[in-house]
């Protein structure tokens, strides 16, 4: 699996030490949730990020794989959504 862009929603606000480790991702803090945006190199990186968040006791509520902005074909057309 090649690099892909993701949008990950979590309940609450992530701790500052975890946010500091996410230098490659954009972070938007909204009321009652934090949204992470960015490219991850492969699926194992996505799973590792989700595991780190889970181990902190923070609930992942939504994960979206975003369409490639360059228009390259992707295995999943358009944004795909996984509500947890």
PDB file of N, CA and C in Angstrom:
ATOM      1  N   UNK A   1       0.852  -1.184   0.000  1.00  0.00           N
ATOM      2  CA  UNK A   1       0.000   0.000   0.000  1.00  0.00           C
ATOM      3  C   UNK A   1       0.884   1.229   0.000  1.00  0.00           C
ATOM      4  N   UNK A   2       0.624   2.149  -0.888  1.00  0.00           N
ATOM      5  CA  UNK A   2       1.409   3.371  -1.000  1.00  0.00           C
ATOM      6  C   UNK A   2       0.912   4.416  -0.001  1.00  0.00           C
ATOM      7  N   UNK A   3       1.662   5.498   0.088  1.00  0.00           N
ATOM      8  CA  UNK A   3       1.285   6.596   0.975  1.00  0.00           C
ATOM      9  C   UNK A   3      -0.131   7.062   0.667  1.00  0.00           C
ATOM     10  N   UNK A   4      -0.876   7.387   1.718  1.00  0.00           N
ATOM     11  CA  UNK A   4      -2.251   7.854   1.563  1.00  0.00           C
ATOM     12  C   UNK A   4      -2.529   8.948   2.583  1.00  0.00           C
ATOM     13  N   UNK A   5      -3.466   9.814   2.254  1.00  0.00           N
ATOM     14  CA  UNK A   5      -3.874  10.892   3.156  1.00  0.00           C
ATOM     15  C   UNK A   5      -5.058  10.439   3.986  1.00  0.00           C
ATOM     16  N   UNK A   6      -5.003  10.774   5.276  1.00  0.00           N
ATOM     17  CA  UNK A   6      -6.044  10.356   6.209  1.00  0.00           C
ATOM     18  C   UNK A   6      -6.560  11.528   7.013  1.00  0.00           C
ATOM     19  N   UNK A   7      -7.784  11.361   7.497  1.00  0.00           N
ATOM     20  CA  UNK A   7      -8.412  12.259   8.453  1.00  0.00           C
ATOM     21  C   UNK A   7      -8.861  11.369   9.598  1.00  0.00           C
ATOM     22  N   UNK A   8      -8.362  11.625  10.804  1.00  0.00           N
ATOM     23  CA  UNK A   8      -8.659  10.779  11.961  1.00  0.00           C
ATOM     24  C   UNK A   8      -9.285  11.646  13.045  1.00  0.00           C
ATOM     25  N   UNK A   9     -10.490  11.286  13.472  1.00  0.00           N
ATOM     26  CA  UNK A   9     -11.197  12.011  14.533  1.00  0.00           C
ATOM     27  C   UNK A   9     -11.079  11.213  15.827  1.00  0.00           C
ATOM     28  N   UNK A  10     -10.770  11.917  16.915  1.00  0.00           N
ATOM     29  CA  UNK A  10     -10.720  11.277  18.232  1.00  0.00           C
ATOM     30  C   UNK A  10     -11.520  12.112  19.216  1.00  0.00           C
ATOM     31  N   UNK A  11     -12.044  11.450  20.230  1.00  0.00           N
ATOM     32  CA  UNK A  11     -12.797  12.147  21.269  1.00  0.00           C
ATOM     33  C   UNK A  11     -11.847  12.935  22.151  1.00  0.00           C
ATOM     34  N   UNK A  12     -12.244  14.121  22.508  1.00  0.00           N
ATOM     35  CA  UNK A  12     -11.463  14.923  23.425  1.00  0.00           C
ATOM     36  C   UNK A  12     -10.242  15.547  22.780  1.00  0.00           C
ATOM     37  N   UNK A  13      -9.331  15.982  23.628  1.00  0.00           N
ATOM     38  CA  UNK A  13      -8.109  16.636  23.188  1.00  0.00           C
ATOM     39  C   UNK A  13      -6.922  15.726  23.471  1.00  0.00           C
ATOM     40  N   UNK A  14      -6.063  15.548  22.476  1.00  0.00           N
ATOM     41  CA  UNK A  14      -4.872  14.713  22.666  1.00  0.00           C
ATOM     42  C   UNK A  14      -3.876  15.421  23.577  1.00  0.00           C
ATOM     43  N   UNK A  15      -3.137  14.658  24.399  1.00  0.00           N
ATOM     44  CA  UNK A  15      -2.125  15.252  25.261  1.00  0.00           C
ATOM     45  C   UNK A  15      -1.038  15.960  24.437  1.00  0.00           C
ATOM     46  N   UNK A  16      -0.477  17.029  24.996  1.00  0.00           N
ATOM     47  CA  UNK A  16       0.541  17.804  24.286  1.00  0.00           C
ATOM     48  C   UNK A  16       1.754  16.974  23.896  1.00  0.00           C
ATOM     49  N   UNK A  17       2.153  15.991  24.718  1.00  0.00           N
ATOM     50  CA  UNK A  17       3.320  15.181  24.370  1.00  0.00           C
ATOM     51  C   UNK A  17       3.059  14.324  23.132  1.00  0.00           C
ATOM     52  N   UNK A  18       1.820  13.836  22.956  1.00  0.00           N
ATOM     53  CA  UNK A  18       1.495  13.078  21.754  1.00  0.00           C
ATOM     54  C   UNK A  18       1.399  14.009  20.551  1.00  0.00           C
ATOM     55  N   UNK A  19       0.808  15.162  20.736  1.00  0.00           N
ATOM     56  CA  UNK A  19       0.719  16.127  19.635  1.00  0.00           C
ATOM     57  C   UNK A  19       2.104  16.517  19.136  1.00  0.00           C
ATOM     58  N   UNK A  20       3.066  16.632  20.040  1.00  0.00           N
ATOM     59  CA  UNK A  20       4.434  16.982  19.653  1.00  0.00           C
ATOM     60  C   UNK A  20       5.064  15.896  18.789  1.00  0.00           C
ATOM     61  N   UNK A  21       4.664  14.647  18.968  1.00  0.00           N
ATOM     62  CA  UNK A  21       5.195  13.531  18.184  1.00  0.00           C
ATOM     63  C   UNK A  21       4.566  13.433  16.804  1.00  0.00           C
ATOM     64  N   UNK A  22       3.530  14.199  16.552  1.00  0.00           N
ATOM     65  CA  UNK A  22       2.795  14.123  15.299  1.00  0.00           C
ATOM     66  C   UNK A  22       3.168  15.270  14.370  1.00  0.00           C
ATOM     67  N   UNK A  23       4.450  15.544  14.264  1.00  0.00           N
ATOM     68  CA  UNK A  23       4.910  16.704  13.500  1.00  0.00           C
ATOM     69  C   UNK A  23       4.547  16.625  12.021  1.00  0.00           C
ATOM     70  N   UNK A  24       4.323  15.429  11.483  1.00  0.00           N
ATOM     71  CA  UNK A  24       3.975  15.293  10.075  1.00  0.00           C
ATOM     72  C   UNK A  24       2.492  15.447   9.791  1.00  0.00           C
ATOM     73  N   UNK A  25       1.681  15.598  10.839  1.00  0.00           N
ATOM     74  CA  UNK A  25       0.238  15.693  10.661  1.00  0.00           C
ATOM     75  C   UNK A  25      -0.257  17.072  11.083  1.00  0.00           C
ATOM     76  N   UNK A  26      -1.296  17.544  10.421  1.00  0.00           N
ATOM     77  CA  UNK A  26      -1.969  18.766  10.845  1.00  0.00           C
ATOM     78  C   UNK A  26      -2.978  18.382  11.913  1.00  0.00           C
ATOM     79  N   UNK A  27      -3.128  19.234  12.915  1.00  0.00           N
ATOM     80  CA  UNK A  27      -4.035  18.953  14.023  1.00  0.00           C
ATOM     81  C   UNK A  27      -5.018  20.109  14.156  1.00  0.00           C
ATOM     82  N   UNK A  28      -6.296  19.779  14.225  1.00  0.00           N
ATOM     83  CA  UNK A  28      -7.342  20.765  14.463  1.00  0.00           C
ATOM     84  C   UNK A  28      -8.089  20.331  15.715  1.00  0.00           C
ATOM     85  N   UNK A  29      -8.119  21.206  16.716  1.00  0.00           N
ATOM     86  CA  UNK A  29      -8.850  20.903  17.945  1.00  0.00           C
ATOM     87  C   UNK A  29     -10.191  21.612  17.855  1.00  0.00           C
ATOM     88  N   UNK A  30     -11.250  20.811  17.879  1.00  0.00           N
ATOM     89  CA  UNK A  30     -12.611  21.315  17.835  1.00  0.00           C
ATOM     90  C   UNK A  30     -13.263  20.979  19.166  1.00  0.00           C
ATOM     91  N   UNK A  31     -14.375  21.632  19.469  1.00  0.00           N
ATOM     92  CA  UNK A  31     -15.041  21.278  20.731  1.00  0.00           C
ATOM     93  C   UNK A  31     -15.347  19.776  20.778  1.00  0.00           C
ATOM     94  N   UNK A  32     -14.916  19.147  21.806  1.00  0.00           N
ATOM     95  CA  UNK A  32     -15.175  17.731  22.097  1.00  0.00           C
ATOM     96  C   UNK A  32     -14.411  16.746  21.222  1.00  0.00           C
ATOM     97  N   UNK A  33     -13.549  17.215  20.294  1.00  0.00           N
ATOM     98  CA  UNK A  33     -12.773  16.262  19.510  1.00  0.00           C
ATOM     99  C   UNK A  33     -11.518  16.915  18.936  1.00  0.00           C
ATOM    100  N   UNK A  34     -10.591  16.053  18.537  1.00  0.00           N
ATOM    101  CA  UNK A  34      -9.383  16.471  17.840  1.00  0.00           C
ATOM    102  C   UNK A  34      -9.379  15.774  16.498  1.00  0.00           C
ATOM    103  N   UNK A  35      -8.994  16.494  15.456  1.00  0.00           N
ATOM    104  CA  UNK A  35      -8.949  15.925  14.115  1.00  0.00           C
ATOM    105  C   UNK A  35      -7.512  16.003  13.609  1.00  0.00           C
ATOM    106  N   UNK A  36      -6.978  14.859  13.175  1.00  0.00           N
ATOM    107  CA  UNK A  36      -5.630  14.770  12.622  1.00  0.00           C
ATOM    108  C   UNK A  36      -5.737  14.615  11.116  1.00  0.00           C
ATOM    109  N   UNK A  37      -4.926  15.354  10.375  1.00  0.00           N
ATOM    110  CA  UNK A  37      -4.906  15.268   8.914  1.00  0.00           C
ATOM    111  C   UNK A  37      -3.477  15.037   8.467  1.00  0.00           C
ATOM    112  N   UNK A  38      -3.284  14.207   7.462  1.00  0.00           N
ATOM    113  CA  UNK A  38      -1.956  14.080   6.898  1.00  0.00           C
ATOM    114  C   UNK A  38      -1.731  12.773   6.180  1.00  0.00           C
ATOM    115  N   UNK A  39      -0.550  12.693   5.581  1.00  0.00           N
ATOM    116  CA  UNK A  39      -0.156  11.506   4.825  1.00  0.00           C
ATOM    117  C   UNK A  39       0.571  10.525   5.735  1.00  0.00           C
ATOM    118  N   UNK A  40       0.249   9.268   5.583  1.00  0.00           N
ATOM    119  CA  UNK A  40       0.957   8.193   6.277  1.00  0.00           C
ATOM    120  C   UNK A  40       1.547   7.281   5.208  1.00  0.00           C
ATOM    121  N   UNK A  41       2.782   6.815   5.426  1.00  0.00           N
ATOM    122  CA  UNK A  41       3.482   6.081   4.368  1.00  0.00           C
ATOM    123  C   UNK A  41       2.875   4.732   4.009  1.00  0.00           C
ATOM    124  N   UNK A  42       2.209   4.090   4.972  1.00  0.00           N
ATOM    125  CA  UNK A  42       1.640   2.773   4.697  1.00  0.00           C
ATOM    126  C   UNK A  42       0.620   2.425   5.773  1.00  0.00           C
ATOM    127  N   UNK A  43      -0.035   1.292   5.574  1.00  0.00           N
ATOM    128  CA  UNK A  43      -1.090   0.887   6.491  1.00  0.00           C
ATOM    129  C   UNK A  43      -0.551   0.568   7.887  1.00  0.00           C
ATOM    130  N   UNK A  44       0.659   0.049   7.982  1.00  0.00           N
ATOM    131  CA  UNK A  44       1.212  -0.249   9.304  1.00  0.00           C
ATOM    132  C   UNK A  44       1.430   1.034  10.107  1.00  0.00           C
ATOM    133  N   UNK A  45       1.754   2.128   9.439  1.00  0.00           N
ATOM    134  CA  UNK A  45       1.892   3.415  10.128  1.00  0.00           C
ATOM    135  C   UNK A  45       0.545   3.892  10.661  1.00  0.00           C
ATOM    136  N   UNK A  46      -0.508   3.669   9.881  1.00  0.00           N
ATOM    137  CA  UNK A  46      -1.853   4.017  10.339  1.00  0.00           C
ATOM    138  C   UNK A  46      -2.215   3.207  11.572  1.00  0.00           C
ATOM    139  N   UNK A  47      -1.978   1.889  11.519  1.00  0.00           N
ATOM    140  CA  UNK A  47      -2.291   1.037  12.668  1.00  0.00           C
ATOM    141  C   UNK A  47      -1.467   1.417  13.895  1.00  0.00           C
ATOM    142  N   UNK A  48      -0.213   1.782  13.705  1.00  0.00           N
ATOM    143  CA  UNK A  48       0.640   2.182  14.829  1.00  0.00           C
ATOM    144  C   UNK A  48       0.112   3.459  15.476  1.00  0.00           C
ATOM    145  N   UNK A  49      -0.308   4.415  14.667  1.00  0.00           N
ATOM    146  CA  UNK A  49      -0.870   5.656  15.198  1.00  0.00           C
ATOM    147  C   UNK A  49      -2.153   5.376  15.974  1.00  0.00           C
ATOM    148  N   UNK A  50      -3.014   4.552  15.407  1.00  0.00           N
ATOM    149  CA  UNK A  50      -4.268   4.207  16.097  1.00  0.00           C
ATOM    150  C   UNK A  50      -3.972   3.491  17.416  1.00  0.00           C
ATOM    151  N   UNK A  51      -2.997   2.603  17.418  1.00  0.00           N
ATOM    152  CA  UNK A  51      -2.629   1.880  18.650  1.00  0.00           C
ATOM    153  C   UNK A  51      -2.100   2.840  19.718  1.00  0.00           C
ATOM    154  N   UNK A  52      -1.270   3.799  19.314  1.00  0.00           N
ATOM    155  CA  UNK A  52      -0.753   4.785  20.287  1.00  0.00           C
ATOM    156  C   UNK A  52      -1.897   5.579  20.899  1.00  0.00           C
ATOM    157  N   UNK A  53      -2.831   6.003  20.071  1.00  0.00           N
ATOM    158  CA  UNK A  53      -3.977   6.760  20.573  1.00  0.00           C
ATOM    159  C   UNK A  53      -4.818   5.886  21.500  1.00  0.00           C
ATOM    160  N   UNK A  54      -5.077   4.655  21.091  1.00  0.00           N
ATOM    161  CA  UNK A  54      -5.869   3.718  21.898  1.00  0.00           C
ATOM    162  C   UNK A  54      -5.203   3.444  23.249  1.00  0.00           C
ATOM    163  N   UNK A  55      -3.887   3.254  23.242  1.00  0.00           N
ATOM    164  CA  UNK A  55      -3.156   2.972  24.485  1.00  0.00           C
ATOM    165  C   UNK A  55      -3.214   4.122  25.474  1.00  0.00           C
ATOM    166  N   UNK A  56      -3.482   5.329  24.985  1.00  0.00           N
ATOM    167  CA  UNK A  56      -3.657   6.478  25.869  1.00  0.00           C
ATOM    168  C   UNK A  56      -5.084   6.569  26.408  1.00  0.00           C
ATOM    169  N   UNK A  57      -5.944   5.636  25.991  1.00  0.00           N
ATOM    170  CA  UNK A  57      -7.321   5.632  26.458  1.00  0.00           C
ATOM    171  C   UNK A  57      -8.203   6.623  25.726  1.00  0.00           C
ATOM    172  N   UNK A  58      -7.757   7.086  24.566  1.00  0.00           N
ATOM    173  CA  UNK A  58      -8.534   8.039  23.778  1.00  0.00           C
ATOM    174  C   UNK A  58      -9.296   7.271  22.706  1.00  0.00           C
ATOM    175  N   UNK A  59     -10.554   7.597  22.551  1.00  0.00           N
ATOM    176  CA  UNK A  59     -11.418   6.874  21.617  1.00  0.00           C
ATOM    177  C   UNK A  59     -11.312   7.462  20.212  1.00  0.00           C
ATOM    178  N   UNK A  60     -10.987   6.605  19.244  1.00  0.00           N
ATOM    179  CA  UNK A  60     -11.025   6.980  17.830  1.00  0.00           C
ATOM    180  C   UNK A  60     -12.481   6.861  17.390  1.00  0.00           C
ATOM    181  N   UNK A  61     -13.037   7.939  16.826  1.00  0.00           N
ATOM    182  CA  UNK A  61     -14.448   7.920  16.435  1.00  0.00           C
ATOM    183  C   UNK A  61     -14.661   7.820  14.933  1.00  0.00           C
ATOM    184  N   UNK A  62     -13.654   8.219  14.149  1.00  0.00           N
ATOM    185  CA  UNK A  62     -13.820   8.174  12.694  1.00  0.00           C
ATOM    186  C   UNK A  62     -12.459   8.203  12.014  1.00  0.00           C
ATOM    187  N   UNK A  63     -12.336   7.418  10.956  1.00  0.00           N
ATOM    188  CA  UNK A  63     -11.121   7.425  10.128  1.00  0.00           C
ATOM    189  C   UNK A  63     -11.572   7.524   8.681  1.00  0.00           C
ATOM    190  N   UNK A  64     -10.989   8.456   7.954  1.00  0.00           N
ATOM    191  CA  UNK A  64     -11.286   8.588   6.521  1.00  0.00           C
ATOM    192  C   UNK A  64      -9.985   8.539   5.739  1.00  0.00           C
ATOM    193  N   UNK A  65      -9.982   7.748   4.697  1.00  0.00           N
ATOM    194  CA  UNK A  65      -8.886   7.810   3.732  1.00  0.00           C
ATOM    195  C   UNK A  65      -9.334   8.797   2.666  1.00  0.00           C
ATOM    196  N   UNK A  66      -8.591   9.863   2.496  1.00  0.00           N
ATOM    197  CA  UNK A  66      -8.982  10.932   1.592  1.00  0.00           C
ATOM    198  C   UNK A  66      -8.507  10.657   0.180  1.00  0.00           C
ATOM    199  N   UNK A  67      -9.230  11.186  -0.772  1.00  0.00           N
ATOM    200  CA  UNK A  67      -8.847  11.041  -2.174  1.00  0.00           C
ATOM    201  C   UNK A  67      -7.515  11.727  -2.405  1.00  0.00           C
ATOM    202  N   UNK A  68      -6.735  11.184  -3.307  1.00  0.00           N
ATOM    203  CA  UNK A  68      -5.435  11.746  -3.649  1.00  0.00           C
ATOM    204  C   UNK A  68      -5.637  13.093  -4.325  1.00  0.00           C
ATOM    205  N   UNK A  69      -5.068  14.182  -3.775  1.00  0.00           N
ATOM    206  CA  UNK A  69      -5.286  15.500  -4.370  1.00  0.00           C
ATOM    207  C   UNK A  69      -4.689  15.644  -5.764  1.00  0.00           C
ATOM    208  N   UNK A  70      -3.746  14.781  -6.148  1.00  0.00           N
ATOM    209  CA  UNK A  70      -3.137  14.844  -7.470  1.00  0.00           C
ATOM    210  C   UNK A  70      -4.001  14.179  -8.529  1.00  0.00           C
ATOM    211  N   UNK A  71      -5.076  13.546  -8.108  1.00  0.00           N
ATOM    212  CA  UNK A  71      -5.970  12.894  -9.050  1.00  0.00           C
ATOM    213  C   UNK A  71      -5.521  11.509  -9.459  1.00  0.00           C
ATOM    214  N   UNK A  72      -4.440  10.999  -8.855  1.00  0.00           N
ATOM    215  CA  UNK A  72      -4.002   9.641  -9.168  1.00  0.00           C
ATOM    216  C   UNK A  72      -5.070   8.667  -8.690  1.00  0.00           C
ATOM    217  N   UNK A  73      -5.172   7.557  -9.408  1.00  0.00           N
ATOM    218  CA  UNK A  73      -6.152   6.564  -9.007  1.00  0.00           C
ATOM    219  C   UNK A  73      -5.755   5.946  -7.681  1.00  0.00           C
ATOM    220  N   UNK A  74      -6.740   5.638  -6.905  1.00  0.00           N
ATOM    221  CA  UNK A  74      -6.543   5.074  -5.586  1.00  0.00           C
ATOM    222  C   UNK A  74      -7.383   3.813  -5.490  1.00  0.00           C
ATOM    223  N   UNK A  75      -6.986   2.830  -4.658  1.00  0.00           N
ATOM    224  CA  UNK A  75      -7.795   1.627  -4.517  1.00  0.00           C
ATOM    225  C   UNK A  75      -9.199   1.927  -3.992  1.00  0.00           C
ATOM    226  N   UNK A  76      -9.359   3.030  -3.257  1.00  0.00           N
ATOM    227  CA  UNK A  76     -10.663   3.411  -2.737  1.00  0.00           C
ATOM    228  C   UNK A  76     -11.035   4.762  -3.334  1.00  0.00           C
ATOM    229  N   UNK A  77     -12.027   4.844  -4.216  1.00  0.00           N
ATOM    230  CA  UNK A  77     -12.384   6.112  -4.829  1.00  0.00           C
ATOM    231  C   UNK A  77     -13.011   7.068  -3.829  1.00  0.00           C
ATOM    232  N   UNK A  78     -12.646   8.331  -3.927  1.00  0.00           N
ATOM    233  CA  UNK A  78     -13.203   9.363  -3.062  1.00  0.00           C
ATOM    234  C   UNK A  78     -12.882   9.114  -1.616  1.00  0.00           C
ATOM    235  N   UNK A  79     -13.401   9.968  -0.722  1.00  0.00           N
ATOM    236  CA  UNK A  79     -13.177   9.699   0.692  1.00  0.00           C
ATOM    237  C   UNK A  79     -13.940   8.453   1.106  1.00  0.00           C
ATOM    238  N   UNK A  80     -13.276   7.589   1.797  1.00  0.00           N
ATOM    239  CA  UNK A  80     -13.984   6.444   2.350  1.00  0.00           C
ATOM    240  C   UNK A  80     -14.082   6.688   3.841  1.00  0.00           C
ATOM    241  N   UNK A  81     -15.094   6.167   4.459  1.00  0.00           N
ATOM    242  CA  UNK A  81     -15.360   6.511   5.843  1.00  0.00           C
ATOM    243  C   UNK A  81     -15.558   5.258   6.667  1.00  0.00           C
ATOM    244  N   UNK A  82     -14.955   5.270   7.840  1.00  0.00           N
ATOM    245  CA  UNK A  82     -15.126   4.186   8.798  1.00  0.00           C
ATOM    246  C   UNK A  82     -15.510   4.821  10.124  1.00  0.00           C
ATOM    247  N   UNK A  83     -16.756   4.739  10.501  1.00  0.00           N
ATOM    248  CA  UNK A  83     -17.196   5.251  11.790  1.00  0.00           C
ATOM    249  C   UNK A  83     -17.045   4.144  12.807  1.00  0.00           C
ATOM    250  N   UNK A  84     -16.428   4.475  13.922  1.00  0.00           N
ATOM    251  CA  UNK A  84     -16.202   3.475  14.968  1.00  0.00           C
ATOM    252  C   UNK A  84     -17.113   3.720  16.146  1.00  0.00           C
TER     253      UNK A  84
END
